[in-house]
């Protein structure tokens, strides 16, 4: 992810421990998320999971660091996704 940013107007942050607390977030500059913003949202190094019309931004180490299963993200991806997740529409990776 170094040198990449997630751009667009917003993304949905889905916390694994309380998916009902999901919120729409916007980048600080109003245009694109920085790598630091993405890492803060997911609690560490980032990994992208590409779905048909969405990106899931996940913590690269969430499956091995004891993060809880994120049920909404798992349902979207069709595979186990752990930890907090950002969901953003394609093609907003630059």
PDB file of N, CA and C in Angstrom:
ATOM      1  N   UNK A   1       0.811  -1.206   0.000  1.00  0.00           N
ATOM      2  CA  UNK A   1       0.000   0.000   0.000  1.00  0.00           C
ATOM      3  C   UNK A   1       0.848   1.261   0.000  1.00  0.00           C
ATOM      4  N   UNK A   2       2.132   1.170   0.226  1.00  0.00           N
ATOM      5  CA  UNK A   2       2.939   2.385   0.278  1.00  0.00           C
ATOM      6  C   UNK A   2       2.779   3.157  -1.028  1.00  0.00           C
ATOM      7  N   UNK A   3       2.500   4.445  -0.897  1.00  0.00           N
ATOM      8  CA  UNK A   3       2.318   5.280  -2.055  1.00  0.00           C
ATOM      9  C   UNK A   3       0.909   5.263  -2.628  1.00  0.00           C
ATOM     10  N   UNK A   4       0.019   4.483  -2.053  1.00  0.00           N
ATOM     11  CA  UNK A   4      -1.364   4.417  -2.529  1.00  0.00           C
ATOM     12  C   UNK A   4      -2.260   5.227  -1.616  1.00  0.00           C
ATOM     13  N   UNK A   5      -3.335   5.679  -2.150  1.00  0.00           N
ATOM     14  CA  UNK A   5      -4.329   6.355  -1.329  1.00  0.00           C
ATOM     15  C   UNK A   5      -5.713   5.954  -1.807  1.00  0.00           C
ATOM     16  N   UNK A   6      -6.654   6.007  -0.900  1.00  0.00           N
ATOM     17  CA  UNK A   6      -8.036   5.691  -1.213  1.00  0.00           C
ATOM     18  C   UNK A   6      -8.733   7.016  -1.440  1.00  0.00           C
ATOM     19  N   UNK A   7      -9.197   7.252  -2.654  1.00  0.00           N
ATOM     20  CA  UNK A   7      -9.806   8.538  -2.945  1.00  0.00           C
ATOM     21  C   UNK A   7     -11.297   8.396  -3.180  1.00  0.00           C
ATOM     22  N   UNK A   8     -11.953   9.489  -3.179  1.00  0.00           N
ATOM     23  CA  UNK A   8     -13.399   9.518  -3.262  1.00  0.00           C
ATOM     24  C   UNK A   8     -13.908  10.414  -2.153  1.00  0.00           C
ATOM     25  N   UNK A   9     -15.166  10.459  -1.995  1.00  0.00           N
ATOM     26  CA  UNK A   9     -15.700  11.393  -1.014  1.00  0.00           C
ATOM     27  C   UNK A   9     -15.906  10.779   0.351  1.00  0.00           C
ATOM     28  N   UNK A  10     -16.027   9.436   0.448  1.00  0.00           N
ATOM     29  CA  UNK A  10     -16.277   8.837   1.759  1.00  0.00           C
ATOM     30  C   UNK A  10     -16.100   7.328   1.714  1.00  0.00           C
ATOM     31  N   UNK A  11     -16.081   6.746   2.898  1.00  0.00           N
ATOM     32  CA  UNK A  11     -16.022   5.291   3.049  1.00  0.00           C
ATOM     33  C   UNK A  11     -16.816   4.946   4.305  1.00  0.00           C
ATOM     34  N   UNK A  12     -17.206   3.696   4.417  1.00  0.00           N
ATOM     35  CA  UNK A  12     -17.917   3.246   5.612  1.00  0.00           C
ATOM     36  C   UNK A  12     -16.931   2.478   6.478  1.00  0.00           C
ATOM     37  N   UNK A  13     -16.818   2.892   7.728  1.00  0.00           N
ATOM     38  CA  UNK A  13     -15.969   2.210   8.697  1.00  0.00           C
ATOM     39  C   UNK A  13     -16.848   1.237   9.473  1.00  0.00           C
ATOM     40  N   UNK A  14     -16.480  -0.046   9.454  1.00  0.00           N
ATOM     41  CA  UNK A  14     -17.248  -1.080  10.140  1.00  0.00           C
ATOM     42  C   UNK A  14     -16.384  -1.696  11.234  1.00  0.00           C
ATOM     43  N   UNK A  15     -16.654  -1.352  12.503  1.00  0.00           N
ATOM     44  CA  UNK A  15     -15.880  -1.959  13.585  1.00  0.00           C
ATOM     45  C   UNK A  15     -16.323  -3.402  13.815  1.00  0.00           C
ATOM     46  N   UNK A  16     -15.355  -4.286  13.985  1.00  0.00           N
ATOM     47  CA  UNK A  16     -15.665  -5.711  14.141  1.00  0.00           C
ATOM     48  C   UNK A  16     -16.462  -5.993  15.405  1.00  0.00           C
ATOM     49  N   UNK A  17     -16.138  -5.296  16.486  1.00  0.00           N
ATOM     50  CA  UNK A  17     -16.781  -5.598  17.767  1.00  0.00           C
ATOM     51  C   UNK A  17     -18.194  -5.053  17.878  1.00  0.00           C
ATOM     52  N   UNK A  18     -18.529  -4.043  17.081  1.00  0.00           N
ATOM     53  CA  UNK A  18     -19.873  -3.462  17.149  1.00  0.00           C
ATOM     54  C   UNK A  18     -20.278  -2.928  15.776  1.00  0.00           C
ATOM     55  N   UNK A  19     -20.632  -3.821  14.843  1.00  0.00           N
ATOM     56  CA  UNK A  19     -20.985  -3.372  13.498  1.00  0.00           C
ATOM     57  C   UNK A  19     -22.117  -2.346  13.455  1.00  0.00           C
ATOM     58  N   UNK A  20     -22.982  -2.340  14.480  1.00  0.00           N
ATOM     59  CA  UNK A  20     -24.053  -1.344  14.514  1.00  0.00           C
ATOM     60  C   UNK A  20     -23.514   0.067  14.697  1.00  0.00           C
ATOM     61  N   UNK A  21     -22.257   0.184  15.093  1.00  0.00           N
ATOM     62  CA  UNK A  21     -21.627   1.495  15.285  1.00  0.00           C
ATOM     63  C   UNK A  21     -20.940   1.983  14.011  1.00  0.00           C
ATOM     64  N   UNK A  22     -21.201   1.336  12.881  1.00  0.00           N
ATOM     65  CA  UNK A  22     -20.602   1.740  11.602  1.00  0.00           C
ATOM     66  C   UNK A  22     -20.924   3.193  11.301  1.00  0.00           C
ATOM     67  N   UNK A  23     -19.934   3.881  10.741  1.00  0.00           N
ATOM     68  CA  UNK A  23     -20.128   5.297  10.410  1.00  0.00           C
ATOM     69  C   UNK A  23     -19.516   5.611   9.051  1.00  0.00           C
ATOM     70  N   UNK A  24     -20.067   6.615   8.410  1.00  0.00           N
ATOM     71  CA  UNK A  24     -19.522   7.144   7.178  1.00  0.00           C
ATOM     72  C   UNK A  24     -18.384   8.090   7.549  1.00  0.00           C
ATOM     73  N   UNK A  25     -17.217   7.898   6.973  1.00  0.00           N
ATOM     74  CA  UNK A  25     -16.101   8.800   7.264  1.00  0.00           C
ATOM     75  C   UNK A  25     -15.609   9.432   5.972  1.00  0.00           C
ATOM     76  N   UNK A  26     -14.998  10.570   6.117  1.00  0.00           N
ATOM     77  CA  UNK A  26     -14.478  11.311   4.971  1.00  0.00           C
ATOM     78  C   UNK A  26     -12.996  11.584   5.201  1.00  0.00           C
ATOM     79  N   UNK A  27     -12.235  11.674   4.128  1.00  0.00           N
ATOM     80  CA  UNK A  27     -10.817  11.995   4.285  1.00  0.00           C
ATOM     81  C   UNK A  27     -10.640  13.402   4.839  1.00  0.00           C
ATOM     82  N   UNK A  28      -9.568  13.595   5.569  1.00  0.00           N
ATOM     83  CA  UNK A  28      -9.315  14.896   6.201  1.00  0.00           C
ATOM     84  C   UNK A  28      -9.236  16.021   5.178  1.00  0.00           C
ATOM     85  N   UNK A  29      -8.674  15.738   4.009  1.00  0.00           N
ATOM     86  CA  UNK A  29      -8.560  16.793   2.996  1.00  0.00           C
ATOM     87  C   UNK A  29      -9.794  16.889   2.099  1.00  0.00           C
ATOM     88  N   UNK A  30     -10.814  16.038   2.378  1.00  0.00           N
ATOM     89  CA  UNK A  30     -12.052  16.077   1.618  1.00  0.00           C
ATOM     90  C   UNK A  30     -11.981  15.411   0.259  1.00  0.00           C
ATOM     91  N   UNK A  31     -10.815  14.863  -0.100  1.00  0.00           N
ATOM     92  CA  UNK A  31     -10.625  14.326  -1.438  1.00  0.00           C
ATOM     93  C   UNK A  31     -10.177  12.879  -1.467  1.00  0.00           C
ATOM     94  N   UNK A  32      -9.143  12.558  -0.691  1.00  0.00           N
ATOM     95  CA  UNK A  32      -8.622  11.197  -0.679  1.00  0.00           C
ATOM     96  C   UNK A  32      -8.029  10.861   0.683  1.00  0.00           C
ATOM     97  N   UNK A  33      -8.150   9.582   1.041  1.00  0.00           N
ATOM     98  CA  UNK A  33      -7.588   9.115   2.297  1.00  0.00           C
ATOM     99  C   UNK A  33      -6.082   8.919   2.143  1.00  0.00           C
ATOM    100  N   UNK A  34      -5.336   9.339   3.133  1.00  0.00           N
ATOM    101  CA  UNK A  34      -3.907   9.070   3.137  1.00  0.00           C
ATOM    102  C   UNK A  34      -3.674   7.670   3.700  1.00  0.00           C
ATOM    103  N   UNK A  35      -2.486   7.152   3.488  1.00  0.00           N
ATOM    104  CA  UNK A  35      -2.141   5.855   4.042  1.00  0.00           C
ATOM    105  C   UNK A  35      -2.266   5.879   5.562  1.00  0.00           C
ATOM    106  N   UNK A  36      -1.839   6.953   6.186  1.00  0.00           N
ATOM    107  CA  UNK A  36      -1.940   7.071   7.645  1.00  0.00           C
ATOM    108  C   UNK A  36      -3.398   7.012   8.105  1.00  0.00           C
ATOM    109  N   UNK A  37      -4.304   7.673   7.387  1.00  0.00           N
ATOM    110  CA  UNK A  37      -5.724   7.618   7.733  1.00  0.00           C
ATOM    111  C   UNK A  37      -6.268   6.193   7.605  1.00  0.00           C
ATOM    112  N   UNK A  38      -5.867   5.499   6.545  1.00  0.00           N
ATOM    113  CA  UNK A  38      -6.316   4.122   6.354  1.00  0.00           C
ATOM    114  C   UNK A  38      -5.793   3.226   7.471  1.00  0.00           C
ATOM    115  N   UNK A  39      -4.515   3.375   7.812  1.00  0.00           N
ATOM    116  CA  UNK A  39      -3.914   2.566   8.871  1.00  0.00           C
ATOM    117  C   UNK A  39      -4.571   2.850  10.219  1.00  0.00           C
ATOM    118  N   UNK A  40      -4.897   4.075  10.490  1.00  0.00           N
ATOM    119  CA  UNK A  40      -5.581   4.428  11.733  1.00  0.00           C
ATOM    120  C   UNK A  40      -6.966   3.791  11.780  1.00  0.00           C
ATOM    121  N   UNK A  41      -7.676   3.812  10.671  1.00  0.00           N
ATOM    122  CA  UNK A  41      -9.040   3.262  10.626  1.00  0.00           C
ATOM    123  C   UNK A  41      -9.067   1.758  10.879  1.00  0.00           C
ATOM    124  N   UNK A  42      -8.059   1.031  10.371  1.00  0.00           N
ATOM    125  CA  UNK A  42      -8.062  -0.424  10.536  1.00  0.00           C
ATOM    126  C   UNK A  42      -7.108  -0.911  11.621  1.00  0.00           C
ATOM    127  N   UNK A  43      -6.405  -0.001  12.246  1.00  0.00           N
ATOM    128  CA  UNK A  43      -5.550  -0.366  13.376  1.00  0.00           C
ATOM    129  C   UNK A  43      -4.232  -1.021  13.022  1.00  0.00           C
ATOM    130  N   UNK A  44      -3.653  -0.671  11.890  1.00  0.00           N
ATOM    131  CA  UNK A  44      -2.347  -1.226  11.537  1.00  0.00           C
ATOM    132  C   UNK A  44      -2.099  -1.206  10.046  1.00  0.00           C
ATOM    133  N   UNK A  45      -1.145  -2.039   9.629  1.00  0.00           N
ATOM    134  CA  UNK A  45      -0.818  -2.123   8.207  1.00  0.00           C
ATOM    135  C   UNK A  45      -2.041  -2.547   7.413  1.00  0.00           C
ATOM    136  N   UNK A  46      -2.157  -2.015   6.203  1.00  0.00           N
ATOM    137  CA  UNK A  46      -3.366  -2.236   5.417  1.00  0.00           C
ATOM    138  C   UNK A  46      -3.179  -3.287   4.334  1.00  0.00           C
ATOM    139  N   UNK A  47      -4.278  -3.921   4.019  1.00  0.00           N
ATOM    140  CA  UNK A  47      -4.365  -4.838   2.886  1.00  0.00           C
ATOM    141  C   UNK A  47      -5.684  -4.542   2.187  1.00  0.00           C
ATOM    142  N   UNK A  48      -5.686  -4.613   0.872  1.00  0.00           N
ATOM    143  CA  UNK A  48      -6.906  -4.377   0.107  1.00  0.00           C
ATOM    144  C   UNK A  48      -7.521  -5.691  -0.324  1.00  0.00           C
ATOM    145  N   UNK A  49      -8.825  -5.795  -0.165  1.00  0.00           N
ATOM    146  CA  UNK A  49      -9.589  -6.928  -0.658  1.00  0.00           C
ATOM    147  C   UNK A  49     -10.547  -6.357  -1.695  1.00  0.00           C
ATOM    148  N   UNK A  50     -10.368  -6.778  -2.926  1.00  0.00           N
ATOM    149  CA  UNK A  50     -11.212  -6.233  -4.002  1.00  0.00           C
ATOM    150  C   UNK A  50     -12.442  -7.114  -4.176  1.00  0.00           C
ATOM    151  N   UNK A  51     -13.582  -6.479  -4.145  1.00  0.00           N
ATOM    152  CA  UNK A  51     -14.848  -7.142  -4.427  1.00  0.00           C
ATOM    153  C   UNK A  51     -15.343  -6.615  -5.775  1.00  0.00           C
ATOM    154  N   UNK A  52     -16.509  -7.023  -6.189  1.00  0.00           N
ATOM    155  CA  UNK A  52     -17.010  -6.633  -7.506  1.00  0.00           C
ATOM    156  C   UNK A  52     -17.101  -5.114  -7.676  1.00  0.00           C
ATOM    157  N   UNK A  53     -17.700  -4.431  -6.707  1.00  0.00           N
ATOM    158  CA  UNK A  53     -17.884  -2.978  -6.807  1.00  0.00           C
ATOM    159  C   UNK A  53     -17.286  -2.214  -5.637  1.00  0.00           C
ATOM    160  N   UNK A  54     -16.536  -2.875  -4.781  1.00  0.00           N
ATOM    161  CA  UNK A  54     -16.051  -2.272  -3.543  1.00  0.00           C
ATOM    162  C   UNK A  54     -14.625  -2.679  -3.258  1.00  0.00           C
ATOM    163  N   UNK A  55     -13.960  -1.853  -2.487  1.00  0.00           N
ATOM    164  CA  UNK A  55     -12.702  -2.213  -1.836  1.00  0.00           C
ATOM    165  C   UNK A  55     -12.989  -2.402  -0.367  1.00  0.00           C
ATOM    166  N   UNK A  56     -12.438  -3.439   0.215  1.00  0.00           N
ATOM    167  CA  UNK A  56     -12.385  -3.554   1.667  1.00  0.00           C
ATOM    168  C   UNK A  56     -10.945  -3.251   2.051  1.00  0.00           C
ATOM    169  N   UNK A  57     -10.757  -2.307   2.940  1.00  0.00           N
ATOM    170  CA  UNK A  57      -9.433  -2.028   3.476  1.00  0.00           C
ATOM    171  C   UNK A  57      -9.401  -2.686   4.843  1.00  0.00           C
ATOM    172  N   UNK A  58      -8.492  -3.650   5.005  1.00  0.00           N
ATOM    173  CA  UNK A  58      -8.433  -4.437   6.236  1.00  0.00           C
ATOM    174  C   UNK A  58      -7.039  -4.336   6.838  1.00  0.00           C
ATOM    175  N   UNK A  59      -6.934  -4.731   8.105  1.00  0.00           N
ATOM    176  CA  UNK A  59      -5.642  -4.804   8.773  1.00  0.00           C
ATOM    177  C   UNK A  59      -4.933  -6.062   8.277  1.00  0.00           C
ATOM    178  N   UNK A  60      -3.741  -5.898   7.780  1.00  0.00           N
ATOM    179  CA  UNK A  60      -2.963  -6.983   7.199  1.00  0.00           C
ATOM    180  C   UNK A  60      -2.698  -8.128   8.181  1.00  0.00           C
ATOM    181  N   UNK A  61      -2.668  -7.825   9.465  1.00  0.00           N
ATOM    182  CA  UNK A  61      -2.340  -8.834  10.476  1.00  0.00           C
ATOM    183  C   UNK A  61      -3.524  -9.218  11.350  1.00  0.00           C
ATOM    184  N   UNK A  62      -4.720  -8.792  10.989  1.00  0.00           N
ATOM    185  CA  UNK A  62      -5.883  -9.000  11.861  1.00  0.00           C
ATOM    186  C   UNK A  62      -6.206 -10.470  12.096  1.00  0.00           C
ATOM    187  N   UNK A  63      -5.957 -11.322  11.122  1.00  0.00           N
ATOM    188  CA  UNK A  63      -6.273 -12.745  11.285  1.00  0.00           C
ATOM    189  C   UNK A  63      -5.322 -13.431  12.261  1.00  0.00           C
ATOM    190  N   UNK A  64      -4.128 -12.887  12.441  1.00  0.00           N
ATOM    191  CA  UNK A  64      -3.150 -13.525  13.336  1.00  0.00           C
ATOM    192  C   UNK A  64      -2.980 -12.810  14.668  1.00  0.00           C
ATOM    193  N   UNK A  65      -3.553 -11.617  14.800  1.00  0.00           N
ATOM    194  CA  UNK A  65      -3.355 -10.877  16.047  1.00  0.00           C
ATOM    195  C   UNK A  65      -4.538 -10.965  17.011  1.00  0.00           C
ATOM    196  N   UNK A  66      -5.471 -11.848  16.731  1.00  0.00           N
ATOM    197  CA  UNK A  66      -6.592 -12.040  17.651  1.00  0.00           C
ATOM    198  C   UNK A  66      -7.761 -11.108  17.457  1.00  0.00           C
ATOM    199  N   UNK A  67      -7.799 -10.394  16.356  1.00  0.00           N
ATOM    200  CA  UNK A  67      -8.935  -9.506  16.095  1.00  0.00           C
ATOM    201  C   UNK A  67     -10.203 -10.337  15.888  1.00  0.00           C
ATOM    202  N   UNK A  68     -11.353  -9.799  16.322  1.00  0.00           N
ATOM    203  CA  UNK A  68     -12.604 -10.538  16.157  1.00  0.00           C
ATOM    204  C   UNK A  68     -13.044 -10.590  14.697  1.00  0.00           C
ATOM    205  N   UNK A  69     -13.839 -11.608  14.383  1.00  0.00           N
ATOM    206  CA  UNK A  69     -14.415 -11.748  13.053  1.00  0.00           C
ATOM    207  C   UNK A  69     -15.347 -10.571  12.784  1.00  0.00           C
ATOM    208  N   UNK A  70     -15.217  -9.963  11.624  1.00  0.00           N
ATOM    209  CA  UNK A  70     -16.093  -8.871  11.221  1.00  0.00           C
ATOM    210  C   UNK A  70     -17.193  -9.492  10.358  1.00  0.00           C
ATOM    211  N   UNK A  71     -18.347  -9.718  10.960  1.00  0.00           N
ATOM    212  CA  UNK A  71     -19.428 -10.437  10.271  1.00  0.00           C
ATOM    213  C   UNK A  71     -19.920  -9.743   9.002  1.00  0.00           C
ATOM    214  N   UNK A  72     -20.176  -8.422   9.009  1.00  0.00           N
ATOM    215  CA  UNK A  72     -20.631  -7.791   7.761  1.00  0.00           C
ATOM    216  C   UNK A  72     -19.583  -7.886   6.644  1.00  0.00           C
ATOM    217  N   UNK A  73     -18.317  -7.665   6.973  1.00  0.00           N
ATOM    218  CA  UNK A  73     -17.261  -7.730   5.961  1.00  0.00           C
ATOM    219  C   UNK A  73     -17.084  -9.157   5.462  1.00  0.00           C
ATOM    220  N   UNK A  74     -17.195 -10.127   6.364  1.00  0.00           N
ATOM    221  CA  UNK A  74     -17.105 -11.530   5.976  1.00  0.00           C
ATOM    222  C   UNK A  74     -18.227 -11.883   5.008  1.00  0.00           C
ATOM    223  N   UNK A  75     -19.425 -11.394   5.281  1.00  0.00           N
ATOM    224  CA  UNK A  75     -20.563 -11.641   4.410  1.00  0.00           C
ATOM    225  C   UNK A  75     -20.339 -11.029   3.022  1.00  0.00           C
ATOM    226  N   UNK A  76     -19.789  -9.821   2.968  1.00  0.00           N
ATOM    227  CA  UNK A  76     -19.532  -9.155   1.692  1.00  0.00           C
ATOM    228  C   UNK A  76     -18.459  -9.872   0.889  1.00  0.00           C
ATOM    229  N   UNK A  77     -17.409 -10.322   1.583  1.00  0.00           N
ATOM    230  CA  UNK A  77     -16.250 -10.896   0.904  1.00  0.00           C
ATOM    231  C   UNK A  77     -16.402 -12.383   0.593  1.00  0.00           C
ATOM    232  N   UNK A  78     -17.272 -13.067   1.321  1.00  0.00           N
ATOM    233  CA  UNK A  78     -17.398 -14.499   1.135  1.00  0.00           C
ATOM    234  C   UNK A  78     -16.216 -15.274   1.677  1.00  0.00           C
ATOM    235  N   UNK A  79     -15.478 -14.644   2.559  1.00  0.00           N
ATOM    236  CA  UNK A  79     -14.329 -15.265   3.221  1.00  0.00           C
ATOM    237  C   UNK A  79     -14.166 -14.596   4.576  1.00  0.00           C
ATOM    238  N   UNK A  80     -13.523 -15.249   5.532  1.00  0.00           N
ATOM    239  CA  UNK A  80     -13.381 -14.626   6.855  1.00  0.00           C
ATOM    240  C   UNK A  80     -12.564 -13.338   6.782  1.00  0.00           C
ATOM    241  N   UNK A  81     -13.115 -12.279   7.346  1.00  0.00           N
ATOM    242  CA  UNK A  81     -12.441 -10.991   7.459  1.00  0.00           C
ATOM    243  C   UNK A  81     -12.442 -10.624   8.941  1.00  0.00           C
ATOM    244  N   UNK A  82     -11.285 -10.303   9.466  1.00  0.00           N
ATOM    245  CA  UNK A  82     -11.143 -10.002  10.890  1.00  0.00           C
ATOM    246  C   UNK A  82     -10.794  -8.537  11.091  1.00  0.00           C
ATOM    247  N   UNK A  83     -11.221  -7.992  12.217  1.00  0.00           N
ATOM    248  CA  UNK A  83     -10.871  -6.626  12.590  1.00  0.00           C
ATOM    249  C   UNK A  83     -11.752  -5.578  11.936  1.00  0.00           C
ATOM    250  N   UNK A  84     -11.423  -4.330  12.231  1.00  0.00           N
ATOM    251  CA  UNK A  84     -12.160  -3.193  11.674  1.00  0.00           C
ATOM    252  C   UNK A  84     -11.858  -3.068  10.189  1.00  0.00           C
ATOM    253  N   UNK A  85     -12.841  -2.584   9.439  1.00  0.00           N
ATOM    254  CA  UNK A  85     -12.759  -2.546   7.978  1.00  0.00           C
ATOM    255  C   UNK A  85     -13.279  -1.208   7.467  1.00  0.00           C
ATOM    256  N   UNK A  86     -12.673  -0.734   6.392  1.00  0.00           N
ATOM    257  CA  UNK A  86     -13.219   0.381   5.623  1.00  0.00           C
ATOM    258  C   UNK A  86     -13.755  -0.176   4.320  1.00  0.00           C
ATOM    259  N   UNK A  87     -14.928   0.282   3.926  1.00  0.00           N
ATOM    260  CA  UNK A  87     -15.536  -0.136   2.656  1.00  0.00           C
ATOM    261  C   UNK A  87     -15.656   1.094   1.775  1.00  0.00           C
ATOM    262  N   UNK A  88     -15.127   0.994   0.568  1.00  0.00           N
ATOM    263  CA  UNK A  88     -15.164   2.124  -0.355  1.00  0.00           C
ATOM    264  C   UNK A  88     -15.486   1.634  -1.759  1.00  0.00           C
ATOM    265  N   UNK A  89     -16.221   2.421  -2.534  1.00  0.00           N
ATOM    266  CA  UNK A  89     -16.539   2.007  -3.906  1.00  0.00           C
ATOM    267  C   UNK A  89     -15.300   2.009  -4.793  1.00  0.00           C
ATOM    268  N   UNK A  90     -15.330   1.140  -5.803  1.00  0.00           N
ATOM    269  CA  UNK A  90     -14.292   1.174  -6.853  1.00  0.00           C
ATOM    270  C   UNK A  90     -14.566   2.373  -7.737  1.00  0.00           C
ATOM    271  N   UNK A  91     -13.662   2.888  -8.434  1.00  0.00           N
ATOM    272  CA  UNK A  91     -12.258   2.557  -8.595  1.00  0.00           C
ATOM    273  C   UNK A  91     -11.351   3.507  -7.829  1.00  0.00           C
ATOM    274  N   UNK A  92     -11.701   3.868  -6.659  1.00  0.00           N
ATOM    275  CA  UNK A  92     -11.047   4.980  -5.962  1.00  0.00           C
ATOM    276  C   UNK A  92      -9.689   4.695  -5.362  1.00  0.00           C
ATOM    277  N   UNK A  93      -8.883   3.868  -5.997  1.00  0.00           N
ATOM    278  CA  UNK A  93      -7.501   3.682  -5.560  1.00  0.00           C
ATOM    279  C   UNK A  93      -6.598   4.374  -6.565  1.00  0.00           C
ATOM    280  N   UNK A  94      -5.744   5.249  -6.065  1.00  0.00           N
ATOM    281  CA  UNK A  94      -4.811   5.956  -6.956  1.00  0.00           C
ATOM    282  C   UNK A  94      -3.390   5.702  -6.537  1.00  0.00           C
TER     283      UNK A  94
END
